[in-house]
C-alpha atoms as a PDB file:
ATOM      1  CA  MET A   1      18.866   5.855  12.942  1.00  0.00           C
ATOM      2  CA  SER A   2      19.133   3.987  16.218  1.00  0.00           C
ATOM      3  CA  GLN A   3      21.790   4.093  18.889  1.00  0.00           C
ATOM      4  CA  THR A   4      24.461   1.387  18.989  1.00  0.00           C
ATOM      5  CA  LYS A   5      26.789   0.262  21.762  1.00  0.00           C
ATOM      6  CA  VAL A   6      30.526  -0.285  21.996  1.00  0.00           C
ATOM      7  CA  VAL A   7      31.459  -3.968  21.794  1.00  0.00           C
ATOM      8  CA  GLY A   8      32.836  -5.092  25.138  1.00  0.00           C
ATOM      9  CA  SER A   9      31.938  -2.109  27.307  1.00  0.00           C
ATOM     10  CA  GLY A  10      28.325  -1.800  26.286  1.00  0.00           C
ATOM     11  CA  GLU A  11      28.611   1.970  26.427  1.00  0.00           C
ATOM     12  CA  PRO A  12      26.315   3.819  24.010  1.00  0.00           C
ATOM     13  CA  VAL A  13      27.915   5.324  20.924  1.00  0.00           C
ATOM     14  CA  PRO A  14      26.871   8.973  20.587  1.00  0.00           C
ATOM     15  CA  LEU A  15      24.791   9.793  17.550  1.00  0.00           C
ATOM     16  CA  PRO A  16      26.347  12.024  14.895  1.00  0.00           C
ATOM     17  CA  SER A  17      25.523  15.715  15.142  1.00  0.00           C
ATOM     18  CA  LEU A  18      22.076  16.846  14.041  1.00  0.00           C
ATOM     19  CA  GLN A  19      23.492  18.485  10.921  1.00  0.00           C
ATOM     20  CA  THR A  20      25.283  15.262   9.968  1.00  0.00           C
ATOM     21  CA  ARG A  21      22.119  13.246  10.538  1.00  0.00           C
ATOM     22  CA  LEU A  22      20.076  15.601   8.372  1.00  0.00           C
ATOM     23  CA  THR A  23      22.715  15.411   5.645  1.00  0.00           C
ATOM     24  CA  ILE A  24      22.516  11.606   5.687  1.00  0.00           C
ATOM     25  CA  ILE A  25      18.713  11.737   5.527  1.00  0.00           C
ATOM     26  CA  ASP A  26      18.808  14.109   2.554  1.00  0.00           C
ATOM     27  CA  ALA A  27      21.364  11.929   0.779  1.00  0.00           C
ATOM     28  CA  CYS A  28      19.018   8.947   1.087  1.00  0.00           C
ATOM     29  CA  ARG A  29      16.089  11.008  -0.153  1.00  0.00           C
ATOM     30  CA  ASP A  30      18.048  12.266  -3.143  1.00  0.00           C
ATOM     31  CA  ALA A  31      19.305   8.774  -4.014  1.00  0.00           C
ATOM     32  CA  PHE A  32      15.794   7.304  -4.267  1.00  0.00           C
ATOM     33  CA  PRO A  33      13.537  10.142  -5.469  1.00  0.00           C
ATOM     34  CA  ALA A  34      10.784   7.908  -6.855  1.00  0.00           C
ATOM     35  CA  LYS A  35      10.604   5.421  -3.974  1.00  0.00           C
ATOM     36  CA  ALA A  36       8.607   5.576  -0.766  1.00  0.00           C
ATOM     37  CA  LYS A  37      10.971   6.118   2.158  1.00  0.00           C
ATOM     38  CA  VAL A  38      10.662   5.811   5.936  1.00  0.00           C
ATOM     39  CA  MET A  39      12.544   7.367   8.853  1.00  0.00           C
ATOM     40  CA  LEU A  40      13.182   5.496  12.095  1.00  0.00           C
ATOM     41  CA  ILE A  41      11.119   6.916  14.935  1.00  0.00           C
ATOM     42  CA  GLY A  42      13.950   7.162  17.490  1.00  0.00           C
ATOM     43  CA  ASP A  43      15.485  10.433  16.223  1.00  0.00           C
ATOM     44  CA  ILE A  44      12.782  13.048  16.735  1.00  0.00           C
ATOM     45  CA  GLU A  45      14.650  15.894  14.999  1.00  0.00           C
ATOM     46  CA  GLY A  46      15.625  13.662  12.094  1.00  0.00           C
ATOM     47  CA  MET A  47      12.119  12.248  11.892  1.00  0.00           C
ATOM     48  CA  ARG A  48      10.606  15.737  11.817  1.00  0.00           C
ATOM     49  CA  HIS A  49      12.926  16.730   8.958  1.00  0.00           C
ATOM     50  CA  ALA A  50      12.248  13.535   7.026  1.00  0.00           C
ATOM     51  CA  VAL A  51       8.463  13.648   7.272  1.00  0.00           C
ATOM     52  CA  GLN A  52       8.412  17.326   6.342  1.00  0.00           C
ATOM     53  CA  ASN A  53      10.132  16.264   3.132  1.00  0.00           C
ATOM     54  CA  GLY A  54       7.780  13.479   2.077  1.00  0.00           C
ATOM     55  CA  CYS A  55       9.003  10.462   4.054  1.00  0.00           C
ATOM     56  CA  GLY A  56       6.964   8.102   6.186  1.00  0.00           C
ATOM     57  CA  TRP A  57       8.192   6.575   9.422  1.00  0.00           C
ATOM     58  CA  ARG A  58       9.187   3.212  10.879  1.00  0.00           C
ATOM     59  CA  ALA A  59       9.231   1.817  14.418  1.00  0.00           C
ATOM     60  CA  ASP A  60      10.722  -1.280  16.003  1.00  0.00           C
ATOM     61  CA  CYS A  61       9.139  -3.223  18.842  1.00  0.00           C
ATOM     62  CA  LEU A  62       5.439  -3.265  18.010  1.00  0.00           C
ATOM     63  CA  GLY A  63       3.813  -5.538  20.575  1.00  0.00           C
ATOM     64  CA  ASP A  64       5.859  -4.402  23.556  1.00  0.00           C
ATOM     65  CA  MET A  65       3.304  -4.070  26.326  1.00  0.00           C
ATOM     66  CA  GLY A  66       5.700  -4.384  29.237  1.00  0.00           C
ATOM     67  CA  GLY A  67       8.532  -6.658  28.184  1.00  0.00           C
ATOM     68  CA  PHE A  68      11.257  -4.242  29.300  1.00  0.00           C
ATOM     69  CA  SER A  69       9.593  -2.609  32.291  1.00  0.00           C
ATOM     70  CA  LYS A  70       6.378  -2.840  34.261  1.00  0.00           C
ATOM     71  CA  ASN A  71       6.104   0.954  34.129  1.00  0.00           C
ATOM     72  CA  TRP A  72       7.096   1.697  30.522  1.00  0.00           C
ATOM     73  CA  ASN A  73       6.492   0.241  27.072  1.00  0.00           C
ATOM     74  CA  HIS A  74       6.965   1.317  23.467  1.00  0.00           C
ATOM     75  CA  MET A  75       3.306   1.339  22.470  1.00  0.00           C
ATOM     76  CA  ARG A  76       2.146   3.579  25.321  1.00  0.00           C
ATOM     77  CA  ASP A  77       5.214   5.625  26.214  1.00  0.00           C
ATOM     78  CA  LEU A  78       7.226   6.127  23.013  1.00  0.00           C
ATOM     79  CA  TYR A  79       5.333   5.860  19.727  1.00  0.00           C
ATOM     80  CA  PRO A  80       2.536   8.375  20.435  1.00  0.00           C
ATOM     81  CA  GLN A  81       4.909  10.912  21.961  1.00  0.00           C
ATOM     82  CA  HIS A  82       7.474  10.755  19.153  1.00  0.00           C
ATOM     83  CA  VAL A  83       4.813  10.907  16.441  1.00  0.00           C
ATOM     84  CA  GLN A  84       3.289  13.971  18.102  1.00  0.00           C
ATOM     85  CA  GLN A  85       6.622  15.716  18.716  1.00  0.00           C
ATOM     86  CA  ALA A  86       7.768  15.122  15.138  1.00  0.00           C
ATOM     87  CA  GLY A  87       4.476  16.394  13.709  1.00  0.00           C
ATOM     88  CA  ALA A  88       3.928  13.046  12.009  1.00  0.00           C
ATOM     89  CA  GLY A  89       0.301  12.338  12.881  1.00  0.00           C
ATOM     90  CA  GLU A  90      -0.964  12.833   9.310  1.00  0.00           C
ATOM     91  CA  VAL A  91       2.162  11.648   7.518  1.00  0.00           C
ATOM     92  CA  TRP A  92       0.576   8.314   6.558  1.00  0.00           C
ATOM     93  CA  LYS A  93      -1.306  10.197   3.837  1.00  0.00           C
ATOM     94  CA  GLN A  94       1.966  10.905   1.997  1.00  0.00           C
ATOM     95  CA  GLY A  95       4.389   8.181   3.097  1.00  0.00           C
ATOM     96  CA  PRO A  96       4.158   4.680   4.567  1.00  0.00           C
ATOM     97  CA  VAL A  97       4.138   3.639   8.205  1.00  0.00           C
ATOM     98  CA  ALA A  98       6.129   0.472   8.919  1.00  0.00           C
ATOM     99  CA  PHE A  99       6.506  -1.644  12.056  1.00  0.00           C
ATOM    100  CA  GLU A 100       8.713  -4.513  13.173  1.00  0.00           C
ATOM    101  CA  SER A 101       7.438  -6.769  15.926  1.00  0.00           C
ATOM    102  CA  CYS A 102       9.043  -6.869  19.345  1.00  0.00           C
ATOM    103  CA  TRP A 103      10.156 -10.466  19.861  1.00  0.00           C
ATOM    104  CA  ASP A 104       7.432 -12.448  18.035  1.00  0.00           C
ATOM    105  CA  MET A 105       3.806 -13.520  18.392  1.00  0.00           C
ATOM    106  CA  GLN A 106       4.746 -16.517  20.531  1.00  0.00           C
ATOM    107  CA  LYS A 107       6.212 -14.128  23.101  1.00  0.00           C
ATOM    108  CA  TRP A 108       3.054 -12.028  22.950  1.00  0.00           C
ATOM    109  CA  LYS A 109       0.902 -15.056  23.684  1.00  0.00           C
ATOM    110  CA  ARG A 110       3.150 -16.319  26.494  1.00  0.00           C
ATOM    111  CA  GLU A 111       2.928 -12.916  28.176  1.00  0.00           C
ATOM    112  CA  GLY A 112      -0.852 -12.876  27.822  1.00  0.00           C
ATOM    113  CA  TRP A 113      -0.832  -9.769  25.623  1.00  0.00           C
ATOM    114  CA  ASP A 114      -3.893  -9.235  23.445  1.00  0.00           C
ATOM    115  CA  VAL A 115      -2.915  -9.957  19.823  1.00  0.00           C
ATOM    116  CA  ARG A 116      -5.958  -8.173  18.408  1.00  0.00           C
ATOM    117  CA  HIS A 117      -5.200  -5.085  20.479  1.00  0.00           C
ATOM    118  CA  ILE A 118      -1.642  -5.016  19.137  1.00  0.00           C
ATOM    119  CA  PHE A 119      -2.758  -5.380  15.529  1.00  0.00           C
ATOM    120  CA  ASP A 120      -5.556  -2.827  15.967  1.00  0.00           C
ATOM    121  CA  TYR A 121      -3.023  -0.408  17.436  1.00  0.00           C
ATOM    122  CA  ALA A 122      -0.919  -0.717  14.278  1.00  0.00           C
ATOM    123  CA  LEU A 123      -3.997  -0.309  12.074  1.00  0.00           C
ATOM    124  CA  GLY A 124      -4.898   2.813  14.032  1.00  0.00           C
ATOM    125  CA  MET A 125      -1.483   4.179  13.076  1.00  0.00           C
ATOM    126  CA  HIS A 126      -2.349   3.455   9.394  1.00  0.00           C
ATOM    127  CA  VAL A 127       0.342   0.809   9.018  1.00  0.00           C
ATOM    128  CA  SER A 128       1.317  -0.347   5.523  1.00  0.00           C
ATOM    129  CA  TYR A 129       4.193  -2.728   6.283  1.00  0.00           C
ATOM    130  CA  MET A 130       4.693  -5.194   9.113  1.00  0.00           C
ATOM    131  CA  ASN A 131       7.809  -7.312   9.674  1.00  0.00           C
ATOM    132  CA  ASN A 132       6.542 -10.050  11.976  1.00  0.00           C
ATOM    133  CA  LYS A 133       9.781 -12.051  11.815  1.00  0.00           C
ATOM    134  CA  SER A 134       9.864 -15.763  11.048  1.00  0.00           C
ATOM    135  CA  ALA A 135       8.628 -17.497  14.186  1.00  0.00           C
ATOM    136  CA  PRO A 136       5.615 -19.816  13.857  1.00  0.00           C
ATOM    137  CA  ILE A 137       2.184 -18.316  14.453  1.00  0.00           C
ATOM    138  CA  PRO A 138       0.892 -19.482  17.853  1.00  0.00           C
ATOM    139  CA  ASP A 139      -2.100 -21.795  18.009  1.00  0.00           C
ATOM    140  CA  GLY A 140      -5.381 -19.931  17.945  1.00  0.00           C
ATOM    141  CA  THR A 141      -4.047 -16.721  16.386  1.00  0.00           C
ATOM    142  CA  ARG A 142      -4.275 -17.437  12.655  1.00  0.00           C
ATOM    143  CA  GLY A 143      -7.683 -15.759  12.478  1.00  0.00           C
ATOM    144  CA  GLU A 144      -6.243 -12.584  13.978  1.00  0.00           C
ATOM    145  CA  VAL A 145      -3.407 -12.580  11.436  1.00  0.00           C
ATOM    146  CA  GLU A 146      -5.825 -13.016   8.535  1.00  0.00           C
ATOM    147  CA  ARG A 147      -8.048 -10.242   9.883  1.00  0.00           C
ATOM    148  CA  PHE A 148      -5.013  -7.964  10.115  1.00  0.00           C
ATOM    149  CA  LEU A 149      -3.896  -8.794   6.575  1.00  0.00           C
ATOM    150  CA  ARG A 150      -7.323  -7.854   5.218  1.00  0.00           C
ATOM    151  CA  LYS A 151      -6.944  -4.345   6.658  1.00  0.00           C
ATOM    152  CA  ILE A 152      -3.244  -3.437   6.520  1.00  0.00           C
ATOM    153  CA  GLY A 153      -2.128  -0.897   3.933  1.00  0.00           C
ATOM    154  CA  TYR A 154      -4.460  -0.348   1.004  1.00  0.00           C
ATOM    155  CA  ARG A 155      -7.114  -2.738  -0.278  1.00  0.00           C
ATOM    156  CA  LEU A 156      -8.875  -1.640  -3.446  1.00  0.00           C
ATOM    157  CA  VAL A 157     -12.335  -2.849  -4.417  1.00  0.00           C
ATOM    158  CA  LEU A 158     -14.034  -2.048  -7.711  1.00  0.00           C
ATOM    159  CA  ARG A 159     -17.636  -1.526  -6.578  1.00  0.00           C
ATOM    160  CA  ARG A 160     -19.223  -0.254  -9.793  1.00  0.00           C
ATOM    161  CA  LEU A 161     -18.447   0.027 -13.512  1.00  0.00           C
ATOM    162  CA  GLU A 162     -20.780   1.540 -16.126  1.00  0.00           C
ATOM    163  CA  HIS A 163     -20.453   2.127 -19.877  1.00  0.00           C
ATOM    164  CA  GLU A 164     -22.531   2.216 -23.045  1.00  0.00           C
ATOM    165  CA  ALA A 165     -23.490  -1.158 -24.474  1.00  0.00           C
ATOM    166  CA  ARG A 166     -22.028  -0.345 -27.913  1.00  0.00           C
ATOM    167  CA  VAL A 167     -19.038   1.544 -29.259  1.00  0.00           C
ATOM    168  CA  LYS A 168     -17.719   2.140 -32.781  1.00  0.00           C
ATOM    169  CA  THR A 169     -14.188   1.369 -33.865  1.00  0.00           C
ATOM    170  CA  GLY A 170     -11.948   4.425 -33.777  1.00  0.00           C
ATOM    171  CA  GLU A 171     -13.934   5.966 -30.927  1.00  0.00           C
ATOM    172  CA  LYS A 172     -13.538   5.998 -27.163  1.00  0.00           C
ATOM    173  CA  LEU A 173     -15.720   4.142 -24.702  1.00  0.00           C
ATOM    174  CA  ALA A 174     -16.525   6.287 -21.656  1.00  0.00           C
ATOM    175  CA  VAL A 175     -16.297   4.305 -18.425  1.00  0.00           C
ATOM    176  CA  SER A 176     -17.600   5.411 -15.022  1.00  0.00           C
ATOM    177  CA  MET A 177     -16.293   3.544 -11.983  1.00  0.00           C
ATOM    178  CA  GLY A 178     -16.854   3.509  -8.265  1.00  0.00           C
ATOM    179  CA  TRP A 179     -13.825   2.311  -6.282  1.00  0.00           C
ATOM    180  CA  GLU A 180     -13.312   1.921  -2.562  1.00  0.00           C
ATOM    181  CA  ASN A 181     -10.154   1.612  -0.512  1.00  0.00           C
ATOM    182  CA  VAL A 182     -11.176  -0.566   2.435  1.00  0.00           C
ATOM    183  CA  GLY A 183      -7.671  -0.601   3.929  1.00  0.00           C
ATOM    184  CA  VAL A 184      -6.171   1.895   6.377  1.00  0.00           C
ATOM    185  CA  ALA A 185      -3.645   3.667   4.140  1.00  0.00           C
ATOM    186  CA  PRO A 186      -3.313   4.872   0.549  1.00  0.00           C
ATOM    187  CA  PRO A 187      -1.191   3.308  -2.183  1.00  0.00           C
ATOM    188  CA  TYR A 188       2.170   5.054  -2.466  1.00  0.00           C
ATOM    189  CA  GLY A 189       3.123   3.646  -5.878  1.00  0.00           C
ATOM    190  CA  ASP A 190       2.174   5.369  -9.116  1.00  0.00           C
ATOM    191  CA  HIS A 191       0.192   2.535 -10.720  1.00  0.00           C
ATOM    192  CA  LEU A 192      -2.483   3.195 -13.341  1.00  0.00           C
ATOM    193  CA  VAL A 193      -6.014   1.949 -13.983  1.00  0.00           C
ATOM    194  CA  ALA A 194      -6.103   0.089 -17.310  1.00  0.00           C
ATOM    195  CA  PHE A 195      -8.540  -1.794 -19.524  1.00  0.00           C
ATOM    196  CA  ARG A 196      -8.319  -4.794 -21.821  1.00  0.00           C
ATOM    197  CA  LEU A 197     -10.625  -5.454 -24.783  1.00  0.00           C
ATOM    198  CA  ALA A 198     -10.586  -9.057 -25.957  1.00  0.00           C
ATOM    199  CA  ARG A 199     -12.696 -10.573 -28.711  1.00  0.00           C
ATOM    200  CA  GLN A 200     -14.713 -13.510 -27.461  1.00  0.00           C
ATOM    201  CA  GLY A 201     -13.155 -16.767 -28.540  1.00  0.00           C
ATOM    202  CA  GLU A 202      -9.776 -15.228 -29.388  1.00  0.00           C
ATOM    203  CA  ALA A 203      -6.530 -15.656 -27.488  1.00  0.00           C
ATOM    204  CA  LYS A 204      -5.964 -13.001 -24.835  1.00  0.00           C
ATOM    205  CA  GLU A 205      -2.543 -12.319 -26.373  1.00  0.00           C
ATOM    206  CA  LYS A 206      -4.401 -10.560 -29.201  1.00  0.00           C
ATOM    207  CA  ALA A 207      -6.321  -8.318 -26.814  1.00  0.00           C
ATOM    208  CA  ILE A 208      -6.098  -4.526 -26.893  1.00  0.00           C
ATOM    209  CA  VAL A 209      -4.770  -2.865 -23.728  1.00  0.00           C
ATOM    210  CA  SER A 210      -5.729   0.750 -23.040  1.00  0.00           C
ATOM    211  CA  VAL A 211      -3.944   2.389 -20.092  1.00  0.00           C
ATOM    212  CA  GLY A 212      -5.854   5.271 -18.532  1.00  0.00           C
ATOM    213  CA  LYS A 213      -4.586   8.448 -16.916  1.00  0.00           C
ATOM    214  CA  THR A 214      -5.861   7.609 -13.435  1.00  0.00           C
ATOM    215  CA  SER A 215      -3.180   6.788 -10.869  1.00  0.00           C
ATOM    216  CA  ILE A 216      -4.149   5.042  -7.641  1.00  0.00           C
ATOM    217  CA  ARG A 217      -1.413   6.868  -5.761  1.00  0.00           C
ATOM    218  CA  GLY A 218      -2.813   8.708  -2.770  1.00  0.00           C
ATOM    219  CA  TRP A 219      -6.261   7.098  -2.731  1.00  0.00           C
ATOM    220  CA  LEU A 220      -7.175   7.498   0.920  1.00  0.00           C
ATOM    221  CA  PRO A 221      -9.434   4.997   2.682  1.00  0.00           C
ATOM    222  CA  GLY A 222     -12.986   5.472   1.492  1.00  0.00           C
ATOM    223  CA  LYS A 223     -14.827   5.789  -1.806  1.00  0.00           C
ATOM    224  CA  LYS A 224     -13.353   7.128  -5.041  1.00  0.00           C
ATOM    225  CA  GLU A 225     -15.255   8.033  -8.217  1.00  0.00           C
ATOM    226  CA  VAL A 226     -13.259   7.641 -11.436  1.00  0.00           C
ATOM    227  CA  ALA A 227     -14.128   8.613 -15.009  1.00  0.00           C
ATOM    228  CA  GLU A 228     -11.981   7.083 -17.758  1.00  0.00           C
ATOM    229  CA  SER A 229     -12.153   6.231 -21.451  1.00  0.00           C
ATOM    230  CA  VAL A 230     -11.075   3.171 -23.400  1.00  0.00           C
ATOM    231  CA  ALA A 231      -9.564   3.757 -26.826  1.00  0.00           C
ATOM    232  CA  VAL A 232     -11.115   1.391 -29.383  1.00  0.00           C
ATOM    233  CA  PRO A 233      -8.674   1.118 -32.308  1.00  0.00           C
ATOM    234  CA  SER A 234      -9.893   1.139 -35.893  1.00  0.00           C
ATOM    235  CA  LYS A 235      -8.187  -2.195 -36.530  1.00  0.00           C
ATOM    236  CA  LEU A 236     -10.325  -4.004 -33.945  1.00  0.00           C
ATOM    237  CA  ALA A 237     -12.785  -6.293 -35.702  1.00  0.00           C
ATOM    238  CA  ALA A 238     -16.469  -5.820 -34.970  1.00  0.00           C
ATOM    239  CA  GLY A 239     -18.110  -8.174 -32.509  1.00  0.00           C
ATOM    240  CA  THR A 240     -18.609  -8.789 -28.809  1.00  0.00           C
ATOM    241  CA  CYS A 241     -15.594  -7.983 -26.652  1.00  0.00           C
ATOM    242  CA  GLU A 242     -14.847  -8.802 -23.055  1.00  0.00           C
ATOM    243  CA  LEU A 243     -13.892  -5.748 -20.992  1.00  0.00           C
ATOM    244  CA  ALA A 244     -11.414  -6.376 -18.185  1.00  0.00           C
ATOM    245  CA  VAL A 245      -9.862  -4.038 -15.619  1.00  0.00           C
ATOM    246  CA  ALA A 246      -6.472  -4.057 -13.919  1.00  0.00           C
ATOM    247  CA  VAL A 247      -4.097  -1.739 -12.092  1.00  0.00           C
ATOM    248  CA  VAL A 248      -0.851  -1.851 -14.036  1.00  0.00           C
ATOM    249  CA  GLU A 249       2.816  -0.965 -13.819  1.00  0.00           C
ATOM    250  CA  PRO A 250       3.261   2.100 -16.080  1.00  0.00           C
ATOM    251  CA  LEU A 251       6.530   0.893 -17.600  1.00  0.00           C
ATOM    252  CA  THR A 252       5.208  -2.502 -18.699  1.00  0.00           C
ATOM    253  CA  ASP A 253       1.389  -2.211 -18.814  1.00  0.00           C
ATOM    254  CA  GLU A 254       1.336  -5.467 -16.821  1.00  0.00           C
ATOM    255  CA  PRO A 255      -1.057  -5.952 -13.873  1.00  0.00           C
ATOM    256  CA  ALA A 256       0.773  -5.034 -10.679  1.00  0.00           C
ATOM    257  CA  VAL A 257      -1.882  -4.795  -7.952  1.00  0.00           C
ATOM    258  CA  ARG A 258      -4.196  -7.548  -6.755  1.00  0.00           C
ATOM    259  CA  LEU A 259      -7.674  -6.142  -6.172  1.00  0.00           C
ATOM    260  CA  ALA A 260     -10.057  -7.260  -3.431  1.00  0.00           C
ATOM    261  CA  ASN A 261     -12.440  -8.555  -6.117  1.00  0.00           C
ATOM    262  CA  LEU A 262     -13.224 -12.063  -7.261  1.00  0.00           C
ATOM    263  CA  GLY A 263     -12.647 -13.237 -10.822  1.00  0.00           C
ATOM    264  CA  ARG A 264      -8.948 -12.500 -11.333  1.00  0.00           C
ATOM    265  CA  ASP A 265      -7.685 -14.362 -14.407  1.00  0.00           C
ATOM    266  CA  PRO A 266      -4.242 -16.011 -14.718  1.00  0.00           C
ATOM    267  CA  ALA A 267      -2.778 -12.858 -16.289  1.00  0.00           C
ATOM    268  CA  GLY A 268      -3.927 -10.652 -13.409  1.00  0.00           C
ATOM    269  CA  TRP A 269      -6.893  -9.006 -15.163  1.00  0.00           C
ATOM    270  CA  TYR A 270     -10.469  -8.840 -13.849  1.00  0.00           C
ATOM    271  CA  PRO A 271     -13.117  -9.431 -16.558  1.00  0.00           C
ATOM    272  CA  VAL A 272     -16.079  -7.276 -15.551  1.00  0.00           C
ATOM    273  CA  SER A 273     -18.295  -6.674 -18.575  1.00  0.00           C
ATOM    274  CA  ARG A 274     -18.926  -7.048 -22.306  1.00  0.00           C
ATOM    275  CA  VAL A 275     -19.296  -4.419 -25.002  1.00  0.00           C
ATOM    276  CA  GLU A 276     -20.508  -4.668 -28.582  1.00  0.00           C
ATOM    277  CA  VAL A 277     -17.986  -3.194 -31.020  1.00  0.00           C
ATOM    278  CA  THR A 278     -19.395  -2.019 -34.356  1.00  0.00           C
ATOM    279  CA  GLU A 279     -17.608  -0.769 -37.443  1.00  0.00           C
ATOM    280  CA  ALA A 280     -17.414   2.965 -37.950  1.00  0.00           C
ATOM    281  CA  GLU A 281     -19.674   4.262 -40.702  1.00  0.00           C
END
């Protein structure tokens, strides 16, 4: 919630009472129980209530380093104080942090403000979403934008995958994986690690998809060890199979997350290994 002004007079319109604001916040939470939600930073009491109930937070005017006053700006004199007063310093672990830029990057450059400092400030707040508006990127700043995009939110890398060289039909193939989130925030969506077994030389449409039980939701920055198993159906013909990995949408089993790994195929899967399938005795 942010304060509005009366058309004509410019007088501020008083906010609704605290109880009314909390009722509105709860109505939004109840209406979208499975979605990540954010609360605007301007209402400290409302923000405190929202983050205590699983929401993240959102702030306008990232990049303001003195555009309204020489003695006050949002990044130094509002964001840190409101986050601290609302008890929201660790909220990024449960709900997203979102920013909208103040003016645009062209304004930042004209004012001589340090673009990297602004982006690093947002990364330090564990930002997941950034609305940078639609103005052109100023000359000489594309590298800073690309650097920022490689760090914002979550960025999952599959570092290691191990399994036995052979598996029998009707059994399960144990898979050990080492993942790393090299971003600054966790995923907030409940997507699942999945595997695809495809016979060499056969169309991928005939492949077997095995969705694991491991959700990426809540994977904090850093390393993550995962143990999974791939069901090998009895109907799968013996032979060499390609093993591919993806993070999928649970309702469709379709790849939903682009990993920070090379080798992504047109369907969104990442072929990583081969396994010899033998017939059960």
